[in-house]
């Protein structure tokens, strides 16, 4: 039987691998938010970090990202980077607030420059 952790990981996986890779991801933020408050096993945490890396890598490398994903949510704290995907995409997000494993993928810069 699936657990809520498994359900959210599957949703996040699908949003990242099948949605974001095509510039979409309507449930990406909500699934990531749900995962942020759950106690995950070591295996689940490793899966989550891999998916997070795919998100940051996609935001840095691809220009064709849906506008709704690039709208930052200022009501959410900056420590919840998944609510600030536009800032990451534009290179304006404070790198020091990203988890260490994601910082190496992120290149703070202005895409307009």
Protein backbone atom coordinates (compact mmCIF):
# COMPACT_ATOMS: atom_id res chain seq x y z
CA UNK A 1 0.00 0.00 0.00
CA UNK A 2 1.30 3.45 -0.92
CA UNK A 3 2.04 5.96 1.81
CA UNK A 4 1.53 9.72 1.56
CA UNK A 5 5.32 10.04 1.22
CA UNK A 6 5.33 7.65 -1.71
CA UNK A 7 2.35 9.39 -3.32
CA UNK A 8 4.02 12.79 -3.08
CA UNK A 9 7.35 11.43 -4.34
CA UNK A 10 5.60 9.85 -7.32
CA UNK A 11 3.75 13.08 -8.05
CA UNK A 12 6.96 15.11 -7.76
CA UNK A 13 8.82 12.59 -9.94
CA UNK A 14 6.14 12.82 -12.63
CA UNK A 15 6.06 16.62 -12.49
CA UNK A 16 9.85 16.84 -12.82
CA UNK A 17 10.53 14.05 -15.32
CA UNK A 18 7.46 14.40 -17.53
CA UNK A 19 6.24 17.93 -16.83
CA UNK A 20 9.23 20.18 -16.29
CA UNK A 21 11.25 18.47 -18.98
CA UNK A 22 8.56 19.83 -21.33
CA UNK A 23 8.45 23.24 -19.65
CA UNK A 24 5.39 22.41 -17.53
CA UNK A 25 4.70 21.20 -14.01
CA UNK A 26 1.32 22.32 -12.64
CA UNK A 27 1.62 20.33 -9.39
CA UNK A 28 5.40 20.59 -8.97
CA UNK A 29 5.44 23.22 -6.22
CA UNK A 30 2.60 21.70 -4.23
CA UNK A 31 4.15 18.24 -4.32
CA UNK A 32 7.55 19.63 -3.27
CA UNK A 33 5.92 21.64 -0.48
CA UNK A 34 4.19 18.52 0.86
CA UNK A 35 7.49 16.62 0.82
CA UNK A 36 9.23 19.38 2.76
CA UNK A 37 7.19 18.63 5.87
CA UNK A 38 7.46 14.84 5.81
CA UNK A 39 10.00 12.61 7.52
CA UNK A 40 11.64 10.77 4.63
CA UNK A 41 13.79 7.66 4.69
CA UNK A 42 17.39 7.86 3.49
CA UNK A 43 16.39 6.37 0.13
CA UNK A 44 13.49 8.82 -0.24
CA UNK A 45 15.74 11.74 0.71
CA UNK A 46 18.26 10.70 -1.94
CA UNK A 47 15.46 10.48 -4.53
CA UNK A 48 14.20 13.92 -3.50
CA UNK A 49 17.68 15.45 -3.82
CA UNK A 50 18.07 13.95 -7.29
CA UNK A 51 14.72 15.36 -8.37
CA UNK A 52 15.53 18.76 -6.85
CA UNK A 53 18.78 18.75 -8.83
CA UNK A 54 16.81 18.03 -12.01
CA UNK A 55 14.56 21.02 -11.25
CA UNK A 56 17.45 23.44 -10.74
CA UNK A 57 19.33 22.06 -13.74
CA UNK A 58 16.24 22.49 -15.96
CA UNK A 59 15.68 26.04 -14.74
CA UNK A 60 19.29 26.97 -15.45
CA UNK A 61 19.54 25.28 -18.84
CA UNK A 62 16.16 25.69 -20.53
CA UNK A 63 14.45 28.86 -21.69
CA UNK A 64 11.09 27.27 -22.53
CA UNK A 65 9.52 27.16 -19.07
CA UNK A 66 5.82 27.91 -18.56
CA UNK A 67 5.15 31.43 -17.28
CA UNK A 68 3.15 30.14 -14.29
CA UNK A 69 6.22 28.25 -13.06
CA UNK A 70 8.35 31.38 -13.32
CA UNK A 71 6.00 33.44 -11.15
CA UNK A 72 7.67 33.76 -7.76
CA UNK A 73 5.51 33.57 -4.64
CA UNK A 74 6.76 36.31 -2.32
CA UNK A 75 4.41 35.16 0.43
CA UNK A 76 6.58 32.04 0.73
CA UNK A 77 9.93 32.36 2.46
CA UNK A 78 13.06 32.33 0.33
CA UNK A 79 14.24 29.18 2.12
CA UNK A 80 11.48 27.39 0.19
CA UNK A 81 13.30 27.72 -3.12
CA UNK A 82 10.61 25.79 -5.05
CA UNK A 83 8.32 28.83 -4.69
CA UNK A 84 10.97 31.05 -6.32
CA UNK A 85 11.63 29.21 -9.58
CA UNK A 86 11.57 32.42 -11.60
CA UNK A 87 14.39 33.87 -9.50
CA UNK A 88 16.41 30.70 -10.02
CA UNK A 89 15.70 30.75 -13.75
CA UNK A 90 16.77 34.40 -14.01
CA UNK A 91 19.84 33.82 -11.82
CA UNK A 92 18.59 36.27 -9.18
CA UNK A 93 17.91 33.83 -6.34
CA UNK A 94 20.42 34.04 -3.45
CA UNK A 95 22.64 30.99 -3.99
CA UNK A 96 23.46 30.68 -0.29
CA UNK A 97 19.82 29.81 0.44
CA UNK A 98 19.86 26.74 -1.79
CA UNK A 99 20.75 23.40 -0.24
CA UNK A 100 24.46 22.75 -0.72
CA UNK A 101 23.87 19.95 -3.22
CA UNK A 102 21.94 22.34 -5.49
CA UNK A 103 24.38 25.25 -5.34
CA UNK A 104 26.86 23.56 -7.67
CA UNK A 105 24.18 23.44 -10.40
CA UNK A 106 23.01 27.00 -9.95
CA UNK A 107 24.76 29.87 -11.63
CA UNK A 108 23.65 33.18 -10.16
CA UNK A 109 23.55 35.66 -12.99
CA UNK A 110 21.12 37.79 -14.87
CA UNK A 111 19.80 36.02 -17.96
CA UNK A 112 19.12 39.45 -19.44
CA UNK A 113 22.80 40.43 -19.23
